[in-house]
Amino acid sequence: MLENTHSYLAKDFLETAEGLCFAVVQSGTERCDGQAKVLCFLRYILQADNGKKQWRKVGTQDANSFLSTQYPHYLYHSAALDTAIHAVDVVRIRHHHQPRRRLQEILSHLPQDRVEQDLTELCVLLQKNGLDLTKTGVTGSLLIGAQQMQSDIDLVIYDRENFHKARKITQELIENGQLGALADSDWQEAFARRSCTLSLPEYVWHEQRKLNKGLINNRKFDLNFVTEQISKTVTYRKLGAITLQCTITGDWYGFDYPAVYAIDHTEIKSVACFIATYTGQAFTGETVEISGLLEQSEQGEKRIVVGSSREAPGEYIKVVRK
């Protein structure tokens, strides 16, 4: 079962004594065999480079292979989500990296490099236009100081109203030239990094209307929403693959993690999306095509999951009629 706790939130990072850094993918903890576990995925490995220890980013396949040979106890099958994932026992956590604390730390000191300088400039600009930075954090490489000169900026916003305000501010700042819009090359690069079933034009069309991306000094930044209110988790079992078309009847939680959309189907009540690509993908009243896995709860309620695995090939949400 999952415990309600505000200690561990999606987008946090967890560092272990072995020099592993995991990104939290599910807020709260799941209890198994008497241990509270945080559901996460390995993102960085601490390695020596010319006598200096540095974080090395790893992809999905490399992360799974590395853990299976070196630290198999971090491989886990979540009973609540009915999926293979990584998990860290709370007692094994050496350092809990929290986005909000890290952002305040960066803003309170002189920037250490160009990435921190751009982050600071972005935050000052957003704050001047009404964004509450006390409800904002930074995740990704900046969270653990692993950024490189080409790194993106990933902001996390913990208040729903503040998040949508940030989207509006971003749009206005792009329109008046204080921030940049992503160019074709930026979209192509973003698309190439995604294991996305959509075509490039489909991907760009969906992304541009989300208003959660921009450029600060030609550096890409993203706005992410994470709620601090943890709902009671329901246990589901998978029934098989499904593709259907339906109408979105509720998009209130469309930017959450996971994103949840209500749909007009006689048997299936909702879609839960665990892939960032399809967060904010559709809005109320739009007809969409969804491909994912059908699940059923212990109470008999059915939903479609998009993002049943880390890469989830062939799973998608796309608007087919506005």
C-alpha atoms as a PDB file:
ATOM      1  CA  MET A   1       0.000   0.000   0.000  1.00  0.00           C
ATOM      2  CA  LEU A   2       1.056   3.607  -0.518  1.00  0.00           C
ATOM      3  CA  GLU A   3       1.405   5.833   2.511  1.00  0.00           C
ATOM      4  CA  ASN A   4       0.365   9.471   2.432  1.00  0.00           C
ATOM      5  CA  THR A   5       3.464  11.507   3.169  1.00  0.00           C
ATOM      6  CA  HIS A   6       4.693  14.904   2.097  1.00  0.00           C
ATOM      7  CA  SER A   7       8.350  13.928   2.510  1.00  0.00           C
ATOM      8  CA  TYR A   8       8.964  12.628  -1.003  1.00  0.00           C
ATOM      9  CA  LEU A   9       7.479  14.301  -4.061  1.00  0.00           C
ATOM     10  CA  ALA A  10       7.751  13.617  -7.789  1.00  0.00           C
ATOM     11  CA  LYS A  11      10.769  15.424  -9.317  1.00  0.00           C
ATOM     12  CA  ASP A  12      12.776  15.133  -6.055  1.00  0.00           C
ATOM     13  CA  PHE A  13      16.104  13.283  -6.299  1.00  0.00           C
ATOM     14  CA  LEU A  14      17.365  10.638  -3.864  1.00  0.00           C
ATOM     15  CA  GLU A  15      21.063   9.929  -3.367  1.00  0.00           C
ATOM     16  CA  THR A  16      22.285   6.639  -1.897  1.00  0.00           C
ATOM     17  CA  ALA A  17      25.550   5.674  -0.227  1.00  0.00           C
ATOM     18  CA  GLU A  18      26.637   3.795  -3.387  1.00  0.00           C
ATOM     19  CA  GLY A  19      26.746   7.059  -5.345  1.00  0.00           C
ATOM     20  CA  LEU A  20      23.455   6.559  -7.161  1.00  0.00           C
ATOM     21  CA  CYS A  21      20.934   9.330  -7.760  1.00  0.00           C
ATOM     22  CA  PHE A  22      17.304   8.426  -8.433  1.00  0.00           C
ATOM     23  CA  ALA A  23      14.514  10.724  -9.656  1.00  0.00           C
ATOM     24  CA  VAL A  24      11.281  10.271  -7.702  1.00  0.00           C
ATOM     25  CA  VAL A  25       8.425   9.319 -10.039  1.00  0.00           C
ATOM     26  CA  GLN A  26       5.611   8.796  -7.524  1.00  0.00           C
ATOM     27  CA  SER A  27       4.973  11.038  -4.542  1.00  0.00           C
ATOM     28  CA  GLY A  28       4.730   9.307  -1.170  1.00  0.00           C
ATOM     29  CA  THR A  29       6.006   5.832  -0.351  1.00  0.00           C
ATOM     30  CA  GLU A  30       4.911   2.272  -0.976  1.00  0.00           C
ATOM     31  CA  ARG A  31       5.221  -0.231   1.847  1.00  0.00           C
ATOM     32  CA  CYS A  32       6.534  -3.694   1.065  1.00  0.00           C
ATOM     33  CA  ASP A  33       7.784  -6.346   3.515  1.00  0.00           C
ATOM     34  CA  GLY A  34       7.682  -3.792   6.310  1.00  0.00           C
ATOM     35  CA  GLN A  35       9.858  -1.274   4.453  1.00  0.00           C
ATOM     36  CA  ALA A  36       8.757   2.127   3.151  1.00  0.00           C
ATOM     37  CA  LYS A  37       9.991   2.452  -0.429  1.00  0.00           C
ATOM     38  CA  VAL A  38      10.121   5.503  -2.677  1.00  0.00           C
ATOM     39  CA  LEU A  39       9.243   4.737  -6.301  1.00  0.00           C
ATOM     40  CA  CYS A  40      11.851   6.277  -8.568  1.00  0.00           C
ATOM     41  CA  PHE A  41      14.207   5.741 -11.494  1.00  0.00           C
ATOM     42  CA  LEU A  42      18.004   5.823 -11.636  1.00  0.00           C
ATOM     43  CA  ARG A  43      19.190   8.961 -13.461  1.00  0.00           C
ATOM     44  CA  TYR A  44      22.816   9.579 -12.367  1.00  0.00           C
ATOM     45  CA  ILE A  45      25.815   7.527 -11.242  1.00  0.00           C
ATOM     46  CA  LEU A  46      28.723   9.120  -9.352  1.00  0.00           C
ATOM     47  CA  GLN A  47      31.986   8.210 -11.096  1.00  0.00           C
ATOM     48  CA  ALA A  48      35.622   9.255 -10.844  1.00  0.00           C
ATOM     49  CA  ASP A  49      36.958  11.330 -13.741  1.00  0.00           C
ATOM     50  CA  ASN A  50      40.623  12.362 -13.552  1.00  0.00           C
ATOM     51  CA  GLY A  51      40.542  11.903  -9.804  1.00  0.00           C
ATOM     52  CA  LYS A  52      37.395  13.984  -9.417  1.00  0.00           C
ATOM     53  CA  LYS A  53      33.973  12.488  -8.745  1.00  0.00           C
ATOM     54  CA  GLN A  54      31.270  13.600 -11.150  1.00  0.00           C
ATOM     55  CA  TRP A  55      27.690  12.636 -11.901  1.00  0.00           C
ATOM     56  CA  ARG A  56      27.148  10.686 -15.133  1.00  0.00           C
ATOM     57  CA  LYS A  57      23.642  10.655 -16.570  1.00  0.00           C
ATOM     58  CA  VAL A  58      22.286   7.279 -17.664  1.00  0.00           C
ATOM     59  CA  GLY A  59      19.439   6.349 -19.975  1.00  0.00           C
ATOM     60  CA  THR A  60      16.689   3.841 -19.315  1.00  0.00           C
ATOM     61  CA  GLN A  61      18.366   0.757 -20.766  1.00  0.00           C
ATOM     62  CA  ASP A  62      21.741   1.500 -19.181  1.00  0.00           C
ATOM     63  CA  ALA A  63      20.079   2.176 -15.816  1.00  0.00           C
ATOM     64  CA  ASN A  64      18.254  -1.142 -15.845  1.00  0.00           C
ATOM     65  CA  SER A  65      21.348  -3.074 -16.966  1.00  0.00           C
ATOM     66  CA  PHE A  66      23.567  -1.403 -14.386  1.00  0.00           C
ATOM     67  CA  LEU A  67      21.213  -2.119 -11.502  1.00  0.00           C
ATOM     68  CA  SER A  68      20.570  -5.699 -12.569  1.00  0.00           C
ATOM     69  CA  THR A  69      24.293  -6.489 -12.430  1.00  0.00           C
ATOM     70  CA  GLN A  70      25.437  -4.196  -9.597  1.00  0.00           C
ATOM     71  CA  TYR A  71      22.522  -3.346  -7.309  1.00  0.00           C
ATOM     72  CA  PRO A  72      19.531  -5.576  -8.108  1.00  0.00           C
ATOM     73  CA  HIS A  73      17.840  -4.708  -4.792  1.00  0.00           C
ATOM     74  CA  TYR A  74      16.831  -1.383  -6.342  1.00  0.00           C
ATOM     75  CA  LEU A  75      14.818  -3.149  -9.067  1.00  0.00           C
ATOM     76  CA  TYR A  76      11.217  -3.405  -7.960  1.00  0.00           C
ATOM     77  CA  HIS A  77       7.752  -4.404  -9.089  1.00  0.00           C
ATOM     78  CA  SER A  78       5.170  -1.984  -7.719  1.00  0.00           C
ATOM     79  CA  ALA A  79       2.031  -3.794  -6.608  1.00  0.00           C
ATOM     80  CA  ALA A  80       0.062  -0.540  -6.636  1.00  0.00           C
ATOM     81  CA  LEU A  81       1.049   0.405 -10.186  1.00  0.00           C
ATOM     82  CA  ASP A  82       1.512  -3.181 -11.424  1.00  0.00           C
ATOM     83  CA  THR A  83       4.709  -2.217 -13.208  1.00  0.00           C
ATOM     84  CA  ALA A  84       8.472  -2.707 -13.077  1.00  0.00           C
ATOM     85  CA  ILE A  85      10.220   0.334 -11.641  1.00  0.00           C
ATOM     86  CA  HIS A  86      13.103   1.269  -9.348  1.00  0.00           C
ATOM     87  CA  ALA A  87      12.600   1.812  -5.626  1.00  0.00           C
ATOM     88  CA  VAL A  88      14.773   2.959  -2.730  1.00  0.00           C
ATOM     89  CA  ASP A  89      14.091   2.002   0.876  1.00  0.00           C
ATOM     90  CA  VAL A  90      13.786   5.164   2.962  1.00  0.00           C
ATOM     91  CA  VAL A  91      16.545   3.865   5.272  1.00  0.00           C
ATOM     92  CA  ARG A  92      18.966   3.730   2.300  1.00  0.00           C
ATOM     93  CA  ILE A  93      18.555   7.400   1.380  1.00  0.00           C
ATOM     94  CA  ARG A  94      21.749   9.308   2.101  1.00  0.00           C
ATOM     95  CA  HIS A  95      20.602  12.679   0.805  1.00  0.00           C
ATOM     96  CA  HIS A  96      17.180  13.958  -0.225  1.00  0.00           C
ATOM     97  CA  HIS A  97      17.574  16.599  -2.958  1.00  0.00           C
ATOM     98  CA  GLN A  98      14.547  18.913  -2.899  1.00  0.00           C
ATOM     99  CA  PRO A  99      13.910  21.311  -5.829  1.00  0.00           C
ATOM    100  CA  ARG A 100      12.489  24.182  -3.769  1.00  0.00           C
ATOM    101  CA  ARG A 101      15.404  24.182  -1.315  1.00  0.00           C
ATOM    102  CA  ARG A 102      17.940  23.930  -4.142  1.00  0.00           C
ATOM    103  CA  LEU A 103      16.463  26.888  -6.027  1.00  0.00           C
ATOM    104  CA  GLN A 104      16.636  29.119  -2.958  1.00  0.00           C
ATOM    105  CA  GLU A 105      20.237  27.993  -2.412  1.00  0.00           C
ATOM    106  CA  ILE A 106      21.211  28.984  -5.969  1.00  0.00           C
ATOM    107  CA  LEU A 107      19.374  32.315  -5.797  1.00  0.00           C
ATOM    108  CA  SER A 108      21.035  33.242  -2.501  1.00  0.00           C
ATOM    109  CA  HIS A 109      24.576  33.001  -3.908  1.00  0.00           C
ATOM    110  CA  LEU A 110      26.468  34.321  -6.887  1.00  0.00           C
ATOM    111  CA  PRO A 111      25.936  32.071  -9.947  1.00  0.00           C
ATOM    112  CA  GLN A 112      28.611  29.393 -10.270  1.00  0.00           C
ATOM    113  CA  ASP A 113      28.328  29.082 -14.059  1.00  0.00           C
ATOM    114  CA  ARG A 114      26.363  30.250 -17.077  1.00  0.00           C
ATOM    115  CA  VAL A 115      23.523  27.801 -16.398  1.00  0.00           C
ATOM    116  CA  GLU A 116      22.947  29.116 -12.872  1.00  0.00           C
ATOM    117  CA  GLN A 117      23.218  32.659 -14.223  1.00  0.00           C
ATOM    118  CA  ASP A 118      20.466  31.978 -16.777  1.00  0.00           C
ATOM    119  CA  LEU A 119      18.340  30.292 -14.104  1.00  0.00           C
ATOM    120  CA  THR A 120      18.715  33.313 -11.827  1.00  0.00           C
ATOM    121  CA  GLU A 121      17.852  35.717 -14.638  1.00  0.00           C
ATOM    122  CA  LEU A 122      14.782  33.661 -15.554  1.00  0.00           C
ATOM    123  CA  CYS A 123      13.530  33.533 -11.963  1.00  0.00           C
ATOM    124  CA  VAL A 124      14.013  37.258 -11.451  1.00  0.00           C
ATOM    125  CA  LEU A 125      12.085  37.950 -14.646  1.00  0.00           C
ATOM    126  CA  LEU A 126       9.227  35.616 -13.679  1.00  0.00           C
ATOM    127  CA  GLN A 127       9.098  37.052 -10.159  1.00  0.00           C
ATOM    128  CA  LYS A 128       8.951  40.635 -11.449  1.00  0.00           C
ATOM    129  CA  ASN A 129       5.891  39.596 -13.460  1.00  0.00           C
ATOM    130  CA  GLY A 130       4.054  38.028 -10.513  1.00  0.00           C
ATOM    131  CA  LEU A 131       5.378  34.493  -9.994  1.00  0.00           C
ATOM    132  CA  ASP A 132       5.737  33.349  -6.372  1.00  0.00           C
ATOM    133  CA  LEU A 133       9.226  31.839  -6.164  1.00  0.00           C
ATOM    134  CA  THR A 134       8.570  30.412  -2.690  1.00  0.00           C
ATOM    135  CA  LYS A 135       6.372  27.829  -4.443  1.00  0.00           C
ATOM    136  CA  THR A 136       8.949  27.127  -7.142  1.00  0.00           C
ATOM    137  CA  GLY A 137      11.950  24.794  -7.382  1.00  0.00           C
ATOM    138  CA  VAL A 138      14.484  23.478  -9.875  1.00  0.00           C
ATOM    139  CA  THR A 139      14.989  19.833 -10.805  1.00  0.00           C
ATOM    140  CA  GLY A 140      17.095  17.949 -13.356  1.00  0.00           C
ATOM    141  CA  SER A 141      20.861  18.330 -13.474  1.00  0.00           C
ATOM    142  CA  LEU A 142      20.763  21.654 -11.605  1.00  0.00           C
ATOM    143  CA  LEU A 143      19.217  19.928  -8.598  1.00  0.00           C
ATOM    144  CA  ILE A 144      22.430  18.022  -7.896  1.00  0.00           C
ATOM    145  CA  GLY A 145      24.938  20.402  -9.466  1.00  0.00           C
ATOM    146  CA  ALA A 146      25.524  18.137 -12.470  1.00  0.00           C
ATOM    147  CA  GLN A 147      24.679  20.747 -15.101  1.00  0.00           C
ATOM    148  CA  GLN A 148      26.845  21.259 -18.171  1.00  0.00           C
ATOM    149  CA  MET A 149      27.052  24.288 -20.438  1.00  0.00           C
ATOM    150  CA  GLN A 150      24.302  22.956 -22.725  1.00  0.00           C
ATOM    151  CA  SER A 151      21.938  21.894 -19.922  1.00  0.00           C
ATOM    152  CA  ASP A 152      18.271  22.878 -19.945  1.00  0.00           C
ATOM    153  CA  ILE A 153      16.472  24.451 -16.979  1.00  0.00           C
ATOM    154  CA  ASP A 154      13.609  22.443 -15.430  1.00  0.00           C
ATOM    155  CA  LEU A 155      11.467  24.483 -13.053  1.00  0.00           C
ATOM    156  CA  VAL A 156       9.008  22.799 -10.689  1.00  0.00           C
ATOM    157  CA  ILE A 157       5.973  24.736  -9.452  1.00  0.00           C
ATOM    158  CA  TYR A 158       4.019  23.346  -6.500  1.00  0.00           C
ATOM    159  CA  ASP A 159       0.896  25.490  -6.552  1.00  0.00           C
ATOM    160  CA  ARG A 160      -1.673  24.903  -9.318  1.00  0.00           C
ATOM    161  CA  GLU A 161      -2.672  28.556  -9.610  1.00  0.00           C
ATOM    162  CA  ASN A 162       0.986  29.600  -9.564  1.00  0.00           C
ATOM    163  CA  PHE A 163       1.774  27.080 -12.328  1.00  0.00           C
ATOM    164  CA  HIS A 164      -0.878  28.397 -14.689  1.00  0.00           C
ATOM    165  CA  LYS A 165       0.208  31.939 -13.869  1.00  0.00           C
ATOM    166  CA  ALA A 166       3.752  30.941 -14.872  1.00  0.00           C
ATOM    167  CA  ARG A 167       2.441  29.654 -18.213  1.00  0.00           C
ATOM    168  CA  LYS A 168       0.640  32.932 -18.826  1.00  0.00           C
ATOM    169  CA  ILE A 169       3.672  35.008 -17.827  1.00  0.00           C
ATOM    170  CA  THR A 170       5.886  32.920 -20.115  1.00  0.00           C
ATOM    171  CA  GLN A 171       3.546  33.473 -23.051  1.00  0.00           C
ATOM    172  CA  GLU A 172       3.456  37.243 -22.437  1.00  0.00           C
ATOM    173  CA  LEU A 173       7.240  37.492 -22.066  1.00  0.00           C
ATOM    174  CA  ILE A 174       7.754  35.596 -25.320  1.00  0.00           C
ATOM    175  CA  GLU A 175       5.277  37.851 -27.092  1.00  0.00           C
ATOM    176  CA  ASN A 176       7.069  41.010 -25.946  1.00  0.00           C
ATOM    177  CA  GLY A 177      10.512  39.621 -26.705  1.00  0.00           C
ATOM    178  CA  GLN A 178      11.880  39.278 -23.157  1.00  0.00           C
ATOM    179  CA  LEU A 179      11.992  35.493 -23.544  1.00  0.00           C
ATOM    180  CA  GLY A 180      12.500  33.468 -26.701  1.00  0.00           C
ATOM    181  CA  ALA A 181      10.245  30.942 -28.390  1.00  0.00           C
ATOM    182  CA  LEU A 182      11.703  27.586 -29.373  1.00  0.00           C
ATOM    183  CA  ALA A 183      12.997  27.540 -32.956  1.00  0.00           C
ATOM    184  CA  ASP A 184      12.500  24.649 -35.379  1.00  0.00           C
ATOM    185  CA  SER A 185      15.920  23.266 -34.440  1.00  0.00           C
ATOM    186  CA  ASP A 186      14.987  23.339 -30.739  1.00  0.00           C
ATOM    187  CA  TRP A 187      11.790  21.382 -31.403  1.00  0.00           C
ATOM    188  CA  GLN A 188      13.680  18.863 -33.542  1.00  0.00           C
ATOM    189  CA  GLU A 189      16.236  18.367 -30.769  1.00  0.00           C
ATOM    190  CA  ALA A 190      13.487  17.966 -28.144  1.00  0.00           C
ATOM    191  CA  PHE A 191      11.646  15.495 -30.368  1.00  0.00           C
ATOM    192  CA  ALA A 192      14.811  13.463 -30.959  1.00  0.00           C
ATOM    193  CA  ARG A 193      15.267  13.015 -27.192  1.00  0.00           C
ATOM    194  CA  ARG A 194      11.751  11.608 -26.813  1.00  0.00           C
ATOM    195  CA  SER A 195      10.671   8.062 -27.598  1.00  0.00           C
ATOM    196  CA  CYS A 196       7.600   9.559 -29.194  1.00  0.00           C
ATOM    197  CA  THR A 197       5.100   7.708 -31.379  1.00  0.00           C
ATOM    198  CA  LEU A 198       3.784  10.966 -32.834  1.00  0.00           C
ATOM    199  CA  SER A 199       5.242  12.520 -35.978  1.00  0.00           C
ATOM    200  CA  LEU A 200       7.403  15.626 -35.601  1.00  0.00           C
ATOM    201  CA  PRO A 201       4.629  17.978 -36.835  1.00  0.00           C
ATOM    202  CA  GLU A 202       2.122  16.335 -34.444  1.00  0.00           C
ATOM    203  CA  TYR A 203       4.564  16.616 -31.554  1.00  0.00           C
ATOM    204  CA  VAL A 204       5.316  20.302 -32.205  1.00  0.00           C
ATOM    205  CA  TRP A 205       1.627  21.218 -32.645  1.00  0.00           C
ATOM    206  CA  HIS A 206       0.705  19.690 -29.283  1.00  0.00           C
ATOM    207  CA  GLU A 207       3.721  21.152 -27.480  1.00  0.00           C
ATOM    208  CA  GLN A 208       3.438  24.736 -28.711  1.00  0.00           C
ATOM    209  CA  ARG A 209      -0.020  25.238 -27.227  1.00  0.00           C
ATOM    210  CA  LYS A 210       0.999  24.040 -23.749  1.00  0.00           C
ATOM    211  CA  LEU A 211       2.809  27.350 -23.073  1.00  0.00           C
ATOM    212  CA  ASN A 212       5.257  25.681 -20.677  1.00  0.00           C
ATOM    213  CA  LYS A 213       8.503  26.030 -22.627  1.00  0.00           C
ATOM    214  CA  GLY A 214      10.709  28.889 -23.709  1.00  0.00           C
ATOM    215  CA  LEU A 215      14.257  30.162 -24.111  1.00  0.00           C
ATOM    216  CA  ILE A 216      16.283  32.339 -21.751  1.00  0.00           C
ATOM    217  CA  ASN A 217      19.486  33.524 -23.470  1.00  0.00           C
ATOM    218  CA  ASN A 218      18.932  30.710 -26.016  1.00  0.00           C
ATOM    219  CA  ARG A 219      18.763  28.125 -23.203  1.00  0.00           C
ATOM    220  CA  LYS A 220      15.633  25.984 -23.144  1.00  0.00           C
ATOM    221  CA  PHE A 221      13.511  25.905 -19.983  1.00  0.00           C
ATOM    222  CA  ASP A 222      10.443  23.904 -18.967  1.00  0.00           C
ATOM    223  CA  LEU A 223       7.689  24.536 -16.439  1.00  0.00           C
ATOM    224  CA  ASN A 224       6.519  21.455 -14.508  1.00  0.00           C
ATOM    225  CA  PHE A 225       3.674  21.143 -12.018  1.00  0.00           C
ATOM    226  CA  VAL A 226       3.787  18.888  -8.952  1.00  0.00           C
ATOM    227  CA  THR A 227       0.998  18.827  -6.407  1.00  0.00           C
ATOM    228  CA  GLU A 228       1.893  18.490  -2.738  1.00  0.00           C
ATOM    229  CA  GLN A 229      -1.478  16.907  -1.984  1.00  0.00           C
ATOM    230  CA  ILE A 230      -1.051  13.151  -2.218  1.00  0.00           C
ATOM    231  CA  SER A 231      -4.204  11.224  -3.024  1.00  0.00           C
ATOM    232  CA  LYS A 232      -4.883   7.766  -1.697  1.00  0.00           C
ATOM    233  CA  THR A 233      -3.429   5.381  -4.259  1.00  0.00           C
ATOM    234  CA  VAL A 234      -5.648   2.694  -5.744  1.00  0.00           C
ATOM    235  CA  THR A 235      -4.172  -0.653  -6.777  1.00  0.00           C
ATOM    236  CA  TYR A 236      -4.730  -1.624 -10.421  1.00  0.00           C
ATOM    237  CA  ARG A 237      -4.122  -4.729 -12.508  1.00  0.00           C
ATOM    238  CA  LYS A 238      -3.392  -4.635 -16.219  1.00  0.00           C
ATOM    239  CA  LEU A 239      -5.940  -6.064 -18.682  1.00  0.00           C
ATOM    240  CA  GLY A 240      -4.115  -5.533 -21.973  1.00  0.00           C
ATOM    241  CA  ALA A 241      -3.376  -3.034 -24.735  1.00  0.00           C
ATOM    242  CA  ILE A 242      -6.098  -0.732 -26.017  1.00  0.00           C
ATOM    243  CA  THR A 243      -6.487   2.009 -28.635  1.00  0.00           C
ATOM    244  CA  LEU A 244      -9.631   4.126 -28.875  1.00  0.00           C
ATOM    245  CA  GLN A 245     -11.022   7.532 -29.717  1.00  0.00           C
ATOM    246  CA  CYS A 246     -13.017   9.522 -27.185  1.00  0.00           C
ATOM    247  CA  THR A 247     -13.764  13.050 -25.998  1.00  0.00           C
ATOM    248  CA  ILE A 248     -12.001  14.709 -23.081  1.00  0.00           C
ATOM    249  CA  THR A 249     -14.614  15.735 -20.516  1.00  0.00           C
ATOM    250  CA  GLY A 250     -12.228  17.012 -17.828  1.00  0.00           C
ATOM    251  CA  ASP A 251      -8.676  18.396 -18.055  1.00  0.00           C
ATOM    252  CA  TRP A 252      -8.291  19.887 -14.562  1.00  0.00           C
ATOM    253  CA  TYR A 253      -5.477  17.457 -13.729  1.00  0.00           C
ATOM    254  CA  GLY A 254      -3.958  17.456 -17.225  1.00  0.00           C
ATOM    255  CA  PHE A 255      -0.660  19.008 -16.085  1.00  0.00           C
ATOM    256  CA  ASP A 256      -0.340  16.878 -12.930  1.00  0.00           C
ATOM    257  CA  TYR A 257       2.079  13.987 -12.509  1.00  0.00           C
ATOM    258  CA  PRO A 258       0.587  11.671 -13.465  1.00  0.00           C
ATOM    259  CA  ALA A 259      -1.650  13.680 -15.773  1.00  0.00           C
ATOM    260  CA  VAL A 260      -5.275  12.563 -15.486  1.00  0.00           C
ATOM    261  CA  TYR A 261      -8.012  13.189 -18.064  1.00  0.00           C
ATOM    262  CA  ALA A 262     -11.703  12.320 -17.688  1.00  0.00           C
ATOM    263  CA  ILE A 263     -13.220  10.822 -20.860  1.00  0.00           C
ATOM    264  CA  ASP A 264     -16.703  10.108 -22.193  1.00  0.00           C
ATOM    265  CA  HIS A 265     -16.638   6.318 -22.353  1.00  0.00           C
ATOM    266  CA  THR A 266     -19.321   3.958 -21.106  1.00  0.00           C
ATOM    267  CA  GLU A 267     -16.878   1.683 -19.234  1.00  0.00           C
ATOM    268  CA  ILE A 268     -13.583   3.595 -18.938  1.00  0.00           C
ATOM    269  CA  LYS A 269     -13.639   6.662 -16.699  1.00  0.00           C
ATOM    270  CA  SER A 270     -10.203   8.200 -17.156  1.00  0.00           C
ATOM    271  CA  VAL A 271      -6.725   8.231 -18.652  1.00  0.00           C
ATOM    272  CA  ALA A 272      -3.623   8.416 -16.432  1.00  0.00           C
ATOM    273  CA  CYS A 273      -0.426   9.514 -18.157  1.00  0.00           C
ATOM    274  CA  PHE A 274       3.027   8.918 -16.673  1.00  0.00           C
ATOM    275  CA  ILE A 275       4.976  10.330 -19.663  1.00  0.00           C
ATOM    276  CA  ALA A 276       5.894  14.023 -19.620  1.00  0.00           C
ATOM    277  CA  THR A 277       5.436  14.219 -23.394  1.00  0.00           C
ATOM    278  CA  TYR A 278       1.667  13.820 -22.995  1.00  0.00           C
ATOM    279  CA  THR A 279       1.197  16.072 -19.976  1.00  0.00           C
ATOM    280  CA  GLY A 280      -1.159  18.913 -20.915  1.00  0.00           C
ATOM    281  CA  GLN A 281      -1.724  17.125 -24.219  1.00  0.00           C
ATOM    282  CA  ALA A 282      -5.474  17.679 -24.583  1.00  0.00           C
ATOM    283  CA  PHE A 283      -8.183  19.990 -23.299  1.00  0.00           C
ATOM    284  CA  THR A 284     -11.848  19.598 -22.407  1.00  0.00           C
ATOM    285  CA  GLY A 285     -14.087  19.112 -25.450  1.00  0.00           C
ATOM    286  CA  GLU A 286     -11.372  17.774 -27.742  1.00  0.00           C
ATOM    287  CA  THR A 287     -11.564  14.357 -29.400  1.00  0.00           C
ATOM    288  CA  VAL A 288      -8.403  12.335 -28.884  1.00  0.00           C
ATOM    289  CA  GLU A 289      -6.922   9.034 -29.899  1.00  0.00           C
ATOM    290  CA  ILE A 290      -5.368   7.159 -26.985  1.00  0.00           C
ATOM    291  CA  SER A 291      -3.146   4.098 -27.080  1.00  0.00           C
ATOM    292  CA  GLY A 292      -2.060   2.508 -23.813  1.00  0.00           C
ATOM    293  CA  LEU A 293      -2.838  -0.271 -21.368  1.00  0.00           C
ATOM    294  CA  LEU A 294      -6.278  -0.862 -19.930  1.00  0.00           C
ATOM    295  CA  GLU A 295      -6.268  -1.309 -16.142  1.00  0.00           C
ATOM    296  CA  GLN A 296      -8.911  -2.187 -13.590  1.00  0.00           C
ATOM    297  CA  SER A 297      -8.934  -1.317  -9.906  1.00  0.00           C
ATOM    298  CA  GLU A 298      -9.921  -3.646  -7.086  1.00  0.00           C
ATOM    299  CA  GLN A 299     -13.245  -1.784  -7.038  1.00  0.00           C
ATOM    300  CA  GLY A 300     -13.824  -2.521 -10.736  1.00  0.00           C
ATOM    301  CA  GLU A 301     -13.102   0.974 -12.095  1.00  0.00           C
ATOM    302  CA  LYS A 302     -11.260   1.008 -15.421  1.00  0.00           C
ATOM    303  CA  ARG A 303      -8.714   3.467 -16.750  1.00  0.00           C
ATOM    304  CA  ILE A 304      -6.173   3.656 -19.562  1.00  0.00           C
ATOM    305  CA  VAL A 305      -2.525   4.150 -18.630  1.00  0.00           C
ATOM    306  CA  VAL A 306      -0.190   5.888 -21.040  1.00  0.00           C
ATOM    307  CA  GLY A 307       3.371   5.342 -19.845  1.00  0.00           C
ATOM    308  CA  SER A 308       3.145   1.822 -18.480  1.00  0.00           C
ATOM    309  CA  SER A 309       6.942   1.615 -18.727  1.00  0.00           C
ATOM    310  CA  ARG A 310       9.766   4.166 -18.822  1.00  0.00           C
ATOM    311  CA  GLU A 311       9.825   4.440 -22.624  1.00  0.00           C
ATOM    312  CA  ALA A 312       6.320   3.009 -23.307  1.00  0.00           C
ATOM    313  CA  PRO A 313       6.725   2.431 -27.064  1.00  0.00           C
ATOM    314  CA  GLY A 314       3.477   2.735 -28.995  1.00  0.00           C
ATOM    315  CA  GLU A 315       1.610   4.488 -26.158  1.00  0.00           C
ATOM    316  CA  TYR A 316       0.358   8.000 -26.892  1.00  0.00           C
ATOM    317  CA  ILE A 317      -2.356  10.657 -26.710  1.00  0.00           C
ATOM    318  CA  LYS A 318      -3.085  12.868 -29.688  1.00  0.00           C
ATOM    319  CA  VAL A 319      -5.866  15.259 -30.594  1.00  0.00           C
ATOM    320  CA  VAL A 320      -7.757  14.230 -33.714  1.00  0.00           C
ATOM    321  CA  ARG A 321     -10.497  16.873 -33.543  1.00  0.00           C
ATOM    322  CA  LYS A 322     -10.757  20.119 -31.619  1.00  0.00           C
END
